[in-house]
Amino acid sequence: MHPIFHVHLLWPTQENTQYGKFSKRPSPKIIIGKEEWEVKDIINSRNKNGVKEFLVHWKGYPETEHTWEPEKNITNAKQLLKAYKRRLKQN
């Protein structure tokens, strides 16, 4: 493999001063033999190809690292998921 790659493979990042440029991210917890990261909040939802997905803010990670997760992946944050669904009904 070449140590050279084309500039189109690069994209800019946003530096988040809250977390610092090279801050250490929290390590996952091992739960029943699987790596699990802690969910801080669920902030949005969408349907993609018929699958309901939720935008997850991971504890200890900046906003630039939110991820869309199907509901089946949010098994250890059921209270946050219920709270998000309640907020959705109120609007």
PDB file of N, CA and C in Angstrom:
ATOM      1  N   MET A   1       0.839  -1.175   0.000  1.00  0.00           N
ATOM      2  CA  MET A   1       0.000   0.000   0.000  1.00  0.00           C
ATOM      3  C   MET A   1       0.889   1.245   0.000  1.00  0.00           C
ATOM      4  N   HIS A   2       0.522   2.219  -0.818  1.00  0.00           N
ATOM      5  CA  HIS A   2       1.278   3.466  -0.916  1.00  0.00           C
ATOM      6  C   HIS A   2       1.008   4.384   0.263  1.00  0.00           C
ATOM      7  N   PRO A   3       2.002   5.117   0.738  1.00  0.00           N
ATOM      8  CA  PRO A   3       1.785   6.094   1.809  1.00  0.00           C
ATOM      9  C   PRO A   3       1.252   7.421   1.276  1.00  0.00           C
ATOM     10  N   ILE A   4       0.769   7.423   0.049  1.00  0.00           N
ATOM     11  CA  ILE A   4       0.266   8.634  -0.593  1.00  0.00           C
ATOM     12  C   ILE A   4      -1.189   8.410  -0.973  1.00  0.00           C
ATOM     13  N   PHE A   5      -2.027   9.429  -0.781  1.00  0.00           N
ATOM     14  CA  PHE A   5      -3.413   9.313  -1.198  1.00  0.00           C
ATOM     15  C   PHE A   5      -3.875  10.659  -1.732  1.00  0.00           C
ATOM     16  N   HIS A   6      -4.911  10.624  -2.549  1.00  0.00           N
ATOM     17  CA  HIS A   6      -5.404  11.810  -3.240  1.00  0.00           C
ATOM     18  C   HIS A   6      -6.136  12.739  -2.270  1.00  0.00           C
ATOM     19  N   VAL A   7      -6.055  14.030  -2.518  1.00  0.00           N
ATOM     20  CA  VAL A   7      -6.647  15.046  -1.659  1.00  0.00           C
ATOM     21  C   VAL A   7      -8.169  14.891  -1.569  1.00  0.00           C
ATOM     22  N   HIS A   8      -8.818  14.326  -2.571  1.00  0.00           N
ATOM     23  CA  HIS A   8     -10.279  14.171  -2.503  1.00  0.00           C
ATOM     24  C   HIS A   8     -10.703  13.186  -1.404  1.00  0.00           C
ATOM     25  N   LEU A   9      -9.774  12.433  -0.859  1.00  0.00           N
ATOM     26  CA  LEU A   9     -10.085  11.514   0.241  1.00  0.00           C
ATOM     27  C   LEU A   9     -10.060  12.207   1.605  1.00  0.00           C
ATOM     28  N   LEU A  10      -9.682  13.484   1.622  1.00  0.00           N
ATOM     29  CA  LEU A  10      -9.610  14.246   2.863  1.00  0.00           C
ATOM     30  C   LEU A  10     -10.830  15.143   3.010  1.00  0.00           C
ATOM     31  N   TRP A  11     -11.209  15.415   4.237  1.00  0.00           N
ATOM     32  CA  TRP A  11     -12.249  16.390   4.498  1.00  0.00           C
ATOM     33  C   TRP A  11     -11.905  17.111   5.800  1.00  0.00           C
ATOM     34  N   PRO A  12     -12.357  18.358   5.934  1.00  0.00           N
ATOM     35  CA  PRO A  12     -11.998  19.136   7.121  1.00  0.00           C
ATOM     36  C   PRO A  12     -12.742  18.632   8.355  1.00  0.00           C
ATOM     37  N   THR A  13     -12.132  18.824   9.509  1.00  0.00           N
ATOM     38  CA  THR A  13     -12.788  18.497  10.768  1.00  0.00           C
ATOM     39  C   THR A  13     -13.054  19.777  11.520  1.00  0.00           C
ATOM     40  N   GLN A  14     -13.952  19.697  12.474  1.00  0.00           N
ATOM     41  CA  GLN A  14     -14.229  20.852  13.312  1.00  0.00           C
ATOM     42  C   GLN A  14     -13.582  20.600  14.658  1.00  0.00           C
ATOM     43  N   GLU A  15     -12.741  21.529  15.071  1.00  0.00           N
ATOM     44  CA  GLU A  15     -12.112  21.407  16.379  1.00  0.00           C
ATOM     45  C   GLU A  15     -13.100  21.859  17.433  1.00  0.00           C
ATOM     46  N   ASN A  16     -13.299  21.059  18.435  1.00  0.00           N
ATOM     47  CA  ASN A  16     -14.224  21.378  19.498  1.00  0.00           C
ATOM     48  C   ASN A  16     -13.418  21.720  20.745  1.00  0.00           C
ATOM     49  N   THR A  17     -13.465  22.982  21.163  1.00  0.00           N
ATOM     50  CA  THR A  17     -12.647  23.404  22.292  1.00  0.00           C
ATOM     51  C   THR A  17     -13.114  22.783  23.602  1.00  0.00           C
ATOM     52  N   GLN A  18     -14.370  22.360  23.670  1.00  0.00           N
ATOM     53  CA  GLN A  18     -14.871  21.727  24.888  1.00  0.00           C
ATOM     54  C   GLN A  18     -14.117  20.428  25.162  1.00  0.00           C
ATOM     55  N   TYR A  19     -13.772  19.693  24.131  1.00  0.00           N
ATOM     56  CA  TYR A  19     -13.110  18.413  24.292  1.00  0.00           C
ATOM     57  C   TYR A  19     -11.612  18.487  24.042  1.00  0.00           C
ATOM     58  N   GLY A  20     -11.152  19.570  23.475  1.00  0.00           N
ATOM     59  CA  GLY A  20      -9.732  19.695  23.176  1.00  0.00           C
ATOM     60  C   GLY A  20      -9.398  18.981  21.879  1.00  0.00           C
ATOM     61  N   LYS A  21      -8.301  19.378  21.282  1.00  0.00           N
ATOM     62  CA  LYS A  21      -7.945  18.852  19.969  1.00  0.00           C
ATOM     63  C   LYS A  21      -7.627  17.366  19.999  1.00  0.00           C
ATOM     64  N   PHE A  22      -6.910  16.911  21.015  1.00  0.00           N
ATOM     65  CA  PHE A  22      -6.505  15.513  21.058  1.00  0.00           C
ATOM     66  C   PHE A  22      -6.995  14.834  22.335  1.00  0.00           C
ATOM     67  N   SER A  23      -8.190  15.167  22.770  1.00  0.00           N
ATOM     68  CA  SER A  23      -8.681  14.594  24.020  1.00  0.00           C
ATOM     69  C   SER A  23      -8.928  13.090  23.873  1.00  0.00           C
ATOM     70  N   LYS A  24      -8.777  12.399  24.969  1.00  0.00           N
ATOM     71  CA  LYS A  24      -8.973  10.957  24.976  1.00  0.00           C
ATOM     72  C   LYS A  24     -10.462  10.651  25.066  1.00  0.00           C
ATOM     73  N   ARG A  25     -10.919   9.791  24.211  1.00  0.00           N
ATOM     74  CA  ARG A  25     -12.323   9.383  24.222  1.00  0.00           C
ATOM     75  C   ARG A  25     -12.518   8.276  25.255  1.00  0.00           C
ATOM     76  N   PRO A  26     -13.709   8.216  25.861  1.00  0.00           N
ATOM     77  CA  PRO A  26     -13.964   7.152  26.832  1.00  0.00           C
ATOM     78  C   PRO A  26     -13.889   5.773  26.164  1.00  0.00           C
ATOM     79  N   SER A  27     -13.370   4.830  26.897  1.00  0.00           N
ATOM     80  CA  SER A  27     -13.310   3.454  26.400  1.00  0.00           C
ATOM     81  C   SER A  27     -14.681   2.812  26.571  1.00  0.00           C
ATOM     82  N   PRO A  28     -14.995   1.844  25.725  1.00  0.00           N
ATOM     83  CA  PRO A  28     -16.277   1.152  25.883  1.00  0.00           C
ATOM     84  C   PRO A  28     -16.262   0.270  27.129  1.00  0.00           C
ATOM     85  N   LYS A  29     -17.448   0.014  27.637  1.00  0.00           N
ATOM     86  CA  LYS A  29     -17.605  -0.935  28.738  1.00  0.00           C
ATOM     87  C   LYS A  29     -17.883  -2.301  28.114  1.00  0.00           C
ATOM     88  N   ILE A  30     -17.447  -3.345  28.768  1.00  0.00           N
ATOM     89  CA  ILE A  30     -17.730  -4.692  28.285  1.00  0.00           C
ATOM     90  C   ILE A  30     -18.960  -5.203  29.029  1.00  0.00           C
ATOM     91  N   ILE A  31     -20.040  -5.415  28.290  1.00  0.00           N
ATOM     92  CA  ILE A  31     -21.286  -5.907  28.863  1.00  0.00           C
ATOM     93  C   ILE A  31     -21.659  -7.191  28.130  1.00  0.00           C
ATOM     94  N   ILE A  32     -21.691  -8.263  28.868  1.00  0.00           N
ATOM     95  CA  ILE A  32     -21.982  -9.601  28.323  1.00  0.00           C
ATOM     96  C   ILE A  32     -21.087  -9.883  27.122  1.00  0.00           C
ATOM     97  N   GLY A  33     -19.814  -9.610  27.274  1.00  0.00           N
ATOM     98  CA  GLY A  33     -18.829  -9.923  26.247  1.00  0.00           C
ATOM     99  C   GLY A  33     -18.832  -9.009  25.034  1.00  0.00           C
ATOM    100  N   LYS A  34     -19.605  -7.914  25.063  1.00  0.00           N
ATOM    101  CA  LYS A  34     -19.666  -6.989  23.927  1.00  0.00           C
ATOM    102  C   LYS A  34     -19.269  -5.592  24.379  1.00  0.00           C
ATOM    103  N   GLU A  35     -18.617  -4.847  23.482  1.00  0.00           N
ATOM    104  CA  GLU A  35     -18.260  -3.461  23.775  1.00  0.00           C
ATOM    105  C   GLU A  35     -19.509  -2.588  23.686  1.00  0.00           C
ATOM    106  N   GLU A  36     -19.696  -1.748  24.704  1.00  0.00           N
ATOM    107  CA  GLU A  36     -20.836  -0.836  24.746  1.00  0.00           C
ATOM    108  C   GLU A  36     -20.341   0.558  25.113  1.00  0.00           C
ATOM    109  N   TRP A  37     -20.847   1.581  24.410  1.00  0.00           N
ATOM    110  CA  TRP A  37     -20.549   2.971  24.738  1.00  0.00           C
ATOM    111  C   TRP A  37     -21.780   3.565  25.386  1.00  0.00           C
ATOM    112  N   GLU A  38     -21.564   4.546  26.266  1.00  0.00           N
ATOM    113  CA  GLU A  38     -22.687   5.138  26.994  1.00  0.00           C
ATOM    114  C   GLU A  38     -23.346   6.241  26.172  1.00  0.00           C
ATOM    115  N   VAL A  39     -24.662   6.193  26.114  1.00  0.00           N
ATOM    116  CA  VAL A  39     -25.450   7.194  25.397  1.00  0.00           C
ATOM    117  C   VAL A  39     -25.701   8.367  26.332  1.00  0.00           C
ATOM    118  N   LYS A  40     -25.405   9.573  25.866  1.00  0.00           N
ATOM    119  CA  LYS A  40     -25.684  10.775  26.657  1.00  0.00           C
ATOM    120  C   LYS A  40     -27.099  11.265  26.384  1.00  0.00           C
ATOM    121  N   ASP A  41     -27.491  11.249  25.104  1.00  0.00           N
ATOM    122  CA  ASP A  41     -28.817  11.734  24.740  1.00  0.00           C
ATOM    123  C   ASP A  41     -29.189  11.228  23.354  1.00  0.00           C
ATOM    124  N   ILE A  42     -30.479  11.209  23.098  1.00  0.00           N
ATOM    125  CA  ILE A  42     -30.993  10.922  21.754  1.00  0.00           C
ATOM    126  C   ILE A  42     -31.597  12.225  21.273  1.00  0.00           C
ATOM    127  N   ILE A  43     -31.125  12.707  20.129  1.00  0.00           N
ATOM    128  CA  ILE A  43     -31.474  14.076  19.753  1.00  0.00           C
ATOM    129  C   ILE A  43     -32.313  14.219  18.483  1.00  0.00           C
ATOM    130  N   ASN A  44     -32.479  13.125  17.732  1.00  0.00           N
ATOM    131  CA  ASN A  44     -33.281  13.222  16.513  1.00  0.00           C
ATOM    132  C   ASN A  44     -33.648  11.816  16.064  1.00  0.00           C
ATOM    133  N   SER A  45     -34.539  11.731  15.085  1.00  0.00           N
ATOM    134  CA  SER A  45     -34.898  10.426  14.527  1.00  0.00           C
ATOM    135  C   SER A  45     -35.224  10.591  13.048  1.00  0.00           C
ATOM    136  N   ARG A  46     -35.167   9.469  12.346  1.00  0.00           N
ATOM    137  CA  ARG A  46     -35.493   9.464  10.917  1.00  0.00           C
ATOM    138  C   ARG A  46     -35.868   8.040  10.527  1.00  0.00           C
ATOM    139  N   ASN A  47     -36.488   7.917   9.360  1.00  0.00           N
ATOM    140  CA  ASN A  47     -36.738   6.615   8.753  1.00  0.00           C
ATOM    141  C   ASN A  47     -35.817   6.487   7.550  1.00  0.00           C
ATOM    142  N   LYS A  48     -35.030   5.432   7.524  1.00  0.00           N
ATOM    143  CA  LYS A  48     -34.123   5.207   6.409  1.00  0.00           C
ATOM    144  C   LYS A  48     -34.333   3.788   5.891  1.00  0.00           C
ATOM    145  N   ASN A  49     -34.779   3.690   4.657  1.00  0.00           N
ATOM    146  CA  ASN A  49     -35.063   2.392   4.041  1.00  0.00           C
ATOM    147  C   ASN A  49     -36.014   1.570   4.896  1.00  0.00           C
ATOM    148  N   GLY A  50     -37.014   2.229   5.470  1.00  0.00           N
ATOM    149  CA  GLY A  50     -38.016   1.541   6.276  1.00  0.00           C
ATOM    150  C   GLY A  50     -37.570   1.196   7.685  1.00  0.00           C
ATOM    151  N   VAL A  51     -36.401   1.663   8.101  1.00  0.00           N
ATOM    152  CA  VAL A  51     -35.887   1.382   9.444  1.00  0.00           C
ATOM    153  C   VAL A  51     -35.837   2.684  10.238  1.00  0.00           C
ATOM    154  N   LYS A  52     -36.433   2.690  11.423  1.00  0.00           N
ATOM    155  CA  LYS A  52     -36.389   3.862  12.296  1.00  0.00           C
ATOM    156  C   LYS A  52     -34.992   3.956  12.900  1.00  0.00           C
ATOM    157  N   GLU A  53     -34.347   5.125  12.738  1.00  0.00           N
ATOM    158  CA  GLU A  53     -33.015   5.365  13.285  1.00  0.00           C
ATOM    159  C   GLU A  53     -33.055   6.584  14.194  1.00  0.00           C
ATOM    160  N   PHE A  54     -32.158   6.587  15.178  1.00  0.00           N
ATOM    161  CA  PHE A  54     -32.080   7.674  16.141  1.00  0.00           C
ATOM    162  C   PHE A  54     -30.680   8.253  16.139  1.00  0.00           C
ATOM    163  N   LEU A  55     -30.591   9.584  16.206  1.00  0.00           N
ATOM    164  CA  LEU A  55     -29.300  10.266  16.256  1.00  0.00           C
ATOM    165  C   LEU A  55     -28.832  10.285  17.703  1.00  0.00           C
ATOM    166  N   VAL A  56     -27.717   9.608  17.956  1.00  0.00           N
ATOM    167  CA  VAL A  56     -27.225   9.397  19.316  1.00  0.00           C
ATOM    168  C   VAL A  56     -26.035  10.307  19.613  1.00  0.00           C
ATOM    169  N   HIS A  57     -26.116  10.982  20.769  1.00  0.00           N
ATOM    170  CA  HIS A  57     -24.986  11.753  21.292  1.00  0.00           C
ATOM    171  C   HIS A  57     -24.323  10.856  22.328  1.00  0.00           C
ATOM    172  N   TRP A  58     -23.107  10.457  22.053  1.00  0.00           N
ATOM    173  CA  TRP A  58     -22.369   9.546  22.926  1.00  0.00           C
ATOM    174  C   TRP A  58     -21.690  10.323  24.038  1.00  0.00           C
ATOM    175  N   LYS A  59     -21.754   9.803  25.250  1.00  0.00           N
ATOM    176  CA  LYS A  59     -21.151  10.453  26.412  1.00  0.00           C
ATOM    177  C   LYS A  59     -19.635  10.527  26.240  1.00  0.00           C
ATOM    178  N   GLY A  60     -19.098  11.753  26.380  1.00  0.00           N
ATOM    179  CA  GLY A  60     -17.661  11.968  26.265  1.00  0.00           C
ATOM    180  C   GLY A  60     -17.186  12.220  24.849  1.00  0.00           C
ATOM    181  N   TYR A  61     -18.110  12.285  23.890  1.00  0.00           N
ATOM    182  CA  TYR A  61     -17.744  12.511  22.491  1.00  0.00           C
ATOM    183  C   TYR A  61     -18.342  13.820  22.008  1.00  0.00           C
ATOM    184  N   PRO A  62     -17.672  14.520  21.099  1.00  0.00           N
ATOM    185  CA  PRO A  62     -18.196  15.794  20.586  1.00  0.00           C
ATOM    186  C   PRO A  62     -19.366  15.572  19.628  1.00  0.00           C
ATOM    187  N   GLU A  63     -20.078  16.645  19.333  1.00  0.00           N
ATOM    188  CA  GLU A  63     -21.229  16.596  18.424  1.00  0.00           C
ATOM    189  C   GLU A  63     -20.855  16.065  17.044  1.00  0.00           C
ATOM    190  N   THR A  64     -19.629  16.275  16.642  1.00  0.00           N
ATOM    191  CA  THR A  64     -19.205  15.816  15.310  1.00  0.00           C
ATOM    192  C   THR A  64     -19.171  14.297  15.212  1.00  0.00           C
ATOM    193  N   GLU A  65     -19.322  13.615  16.347  1.00  0.00           N
ATOM    194  CA  GLU A  65     -19.280  12.155  16.332  1.00  0.00           C
ATOM    195  C   GLU A  65     -20.617  11.520  16.697  1.00  0.00           C
ATOM    196  N   HIS A  66     -21.718  12.276  16.540  1.00  0.00           N
ATOM    197  CA  HIS A  66     -23.044  11.676  16.684  1.00  0.00           C
ATOM    198  C   HIS A  66     -23.199  10.612  15.607  1.00  0.00           C
ATOM    199  N   THR A  67     -23.960   9.575  15.893  1.00  0.00           N
ATOM    200  CA  THR A  67     -24.209   8.550  14.876  1.00  0.00           C
ATOM    201  C   THR A  67     -25.690   8.204  14.820  1.00  0.00           C
ATOM    202  N   TRP A  68     -26.130   7.790  13.641  1.00  0.00           N
ATOM    203  CA  TRP A  68     -27.484   7.293  13.453  1.00  0.00           C
ATOM    204  C   TRP A  68     -27.482   5.803  13.773  1.00  0.00           C
ATOM    205  N   GLU A  69     -28.361   5.395  14.696  1.00  0.00           N
ATOM    206  CA  GLU A  69     -28.417   4.007  15.136  1.00  0.00           C
ATOM    207  C   GLU A  69     -29.843   3.479  15.045  1.00  0.00           C
ATOM    208  N   PRO A  70     -30.008   2.243  14.575  1.00  0.00           N
ATOM    209  CA  PRO A  70     -31.347   1.648  14.613  1.00  0.00           C
ATOM    210  C   PRO A  70     -31.738   1.372  16.065  1.00  0.00           C
ATOM    211  N   GLU A  71     -33.029   1.310  16.317  1.00  0.00           N
ATOM    212  CA  GLU A  71     -33.512   1.122  17.692  1.00  0.00           C
ATOM    213  C   GLU A  71     -32.953  -0.141  18.333  1.00  0.00           C
ATOM    214  N   LYS A  72     -32.710  -1.168  17.549  1.00  0.00           N
ATOM    215  CA  LYS A  72     -32.186  -2.421  18.108  1.00  0.00           C
ATOM    216  C   LYS A  72     -30.792  -2.251  18.715  1.00  0.00           C
ATOM    217  N   ASN A  73     -30.063  -1.196  18.324  1.00  0.00           N
ATOM    218  CA  ASN A  73     -28.727  -0.947  18.879  1.00  0.00           C
ATOM    219  C   ASN A  73     -28.763  -0.132  20.174  1.00  0.00           C
ATOM    220  N   ILE A  74     -29.933   0.341  20.551  1.00  0.00           N
ATOM    221  CA  ILE A  74     -30.034   1.217  21.719  1.00  0.00           C
ATOM    222  C   ILE A  74     -30.647   0.440  22.888  1.00  0.00           C
ATOM    223  N   THR A  75     -30.166  -0.724  23.144  1.00  0.00           N
ATOM    224  CA  THR A  75     -30.758  -1.590  24.162  1.00  0.00           C
ATOM    225  C   THR A  75     -30.447  -1.156  25.584  1.00  0.00           C
ATOM    226  N   ASN A  76     -29.316  -0.525  25.831  1.00  0.00           N
ATOM    227  CA  ASN A  76     -28.937  -0.129  27.186  1.00  0.00           C
ATOM    228  C   ASN A  76     -29.260   1.331  27.484  1.00  0.00           C
ATOM    229  N   ALA A  77     -30.081   1.959  26.659  1.00  0.00           N
ATOM    230  CA  ALA A  77     -30.484   3.352  26.896  1.00  0.00           C
ATOM    231  C   ALA A  77     -31.997   3.495  26.710  1.00  0.00           C
ATOM    232  N   LYS A  78     -32.726   2.519  27.214  1.00  0.00           N
ATOM    233  CA  LYS A  78     -34.183   2.511  27.014  1.00  0.00           C
ATOM    234  C   LYS A  78     -34.865   3.708  27.655  1.00  0.00           C
ATOM    235  N   GLN A  79     -34.357   4.159  28.814  1.00  0.00           N
ATOM    236  CA  GLN A  79     -34.959   5.328  29.471  1.00  0.00           C
ATOM    237  C   GLN A  79     -34.782   6.579  28.614  1.00  0.00           C
ATOM    238  N   LEU A  80     -33.609   6.752  28.035  1.00  0.00           N
ATOM    239  CA  LEU A  80     -33.376   7.918  27.166  1.00  0.00           C
ATOM    240  C   LEU A  80     -34.250   7.840  25.918  1.00  0.00           C
ATOM    241  N   LEU A  81     -34.436   6.633  25.394  1.00  0.00           N
ATOM    242  CA  LEU A  81     -35.279   6.452  24.214  1.00  0.00           C
ATOM    243  C   LEU A  81     -36.737   6.798  24.549  1.00  0.00           C
ATOM    244  N   LYS A  82     -37.213   6.362  25.709  1.00  0.00           N
ATOM    245  CA  LYS A  82     -38.581   6.693  26.131  1.00  0.00           C
ATOM    246  C   LYS A  82     -38.731   8.195  26.317  1.00  0.00           C
ATOM    247  N   ALA A  83     -37.725   8.831  26.933  1.00  0.00           N
ATOM    248  CA  ALA A  83     -37.774  10.285  27.143  1.00  0.00           C
ATOM    249  C   ALA A  83     -37.816  11.017  25.806  1.00  0.00           C
ATOM    250  N   TYR A  84     -37.025  10.553  24.837  1.00  0.00           N
ATOM    251  CA  TYR A  84     -37.027  11.182  23.512  1.00  0.00           C
ATOM    252  C   TYR A  84     -38.403  11.054  22.871  1.00  0.00           C
ATOM    253  N   LYS A  85     -39.003   9.867  22.930  1.00  0.00           N
ATOM    254  CA  LYS A  85     -40.319   9.646  22.325  1.00  0.00           C
ATOM    255  C   LYS A  85     -41.383  10.498  23.005  1.00  0.00           C
ATOM    256  N   ARG A  86     -41.284  10.701  24.330  1.00  0.00           N
ATOM    257  CA  ARG A  86     -42.221  11.583  25.039  1.00  0.00           C
ATOM    258  C   ARG A  86     -42.063  13.026  24.544  1.00  0.00           C
ATOM    259  N   ARG A  87     -40.808  13.478  24.400  1.00  0.00           N
ATOM    260  CA  ARG A  87     -40.566  14.846  23.890  1.00  0.00           C
ATOM    261  C   ARG A  87     -41.166  15.010  22.497  1.00  0.00           C
ATOM    262  N   LEU A  88     -41.062  13.980  21.688  1.00  0.00           N
ATOM    263  CA  LEU A  88     -41.588  14.028  20.325  1.00  0.00           C
ATOM    264  C   LEU A  88     -43.106  14.183  20.337  1.00  0.00           C
ATOM    265  N   LYS A  89     -43.778  13.476  21.227  1.00  0.00           N
ATOM    266  CA  LYS A  89     -45.253  13.550  21.316  1.00  0.00           C
ATOM    267  C   LYS A  89     -45.716  14.910  21.801  1.00  0.00           C
ATOM    268  N   GLN A  90     -44.924  15.566  22.633  1.00  0.00           N
ATOM    269  CA  GLN A  90     -45.297  16.877  23.177  1.00  0.00           C
ATOM    270  C   GLN A  90     -45.246  17.966  22.116  1.00  0.00           C
ATOM    271  N   ASN A  91     -44.454  17.770  21.072  1.00  0.00           N
ATOM    272  CA  ASN A  91     -44.324  18.811  20.034  1.00  0.00           C
ATOM    273  C   ASN A  91     -45.344  18.665  18.972  1.00  0.00           C
TER     274      ASN A  91
END
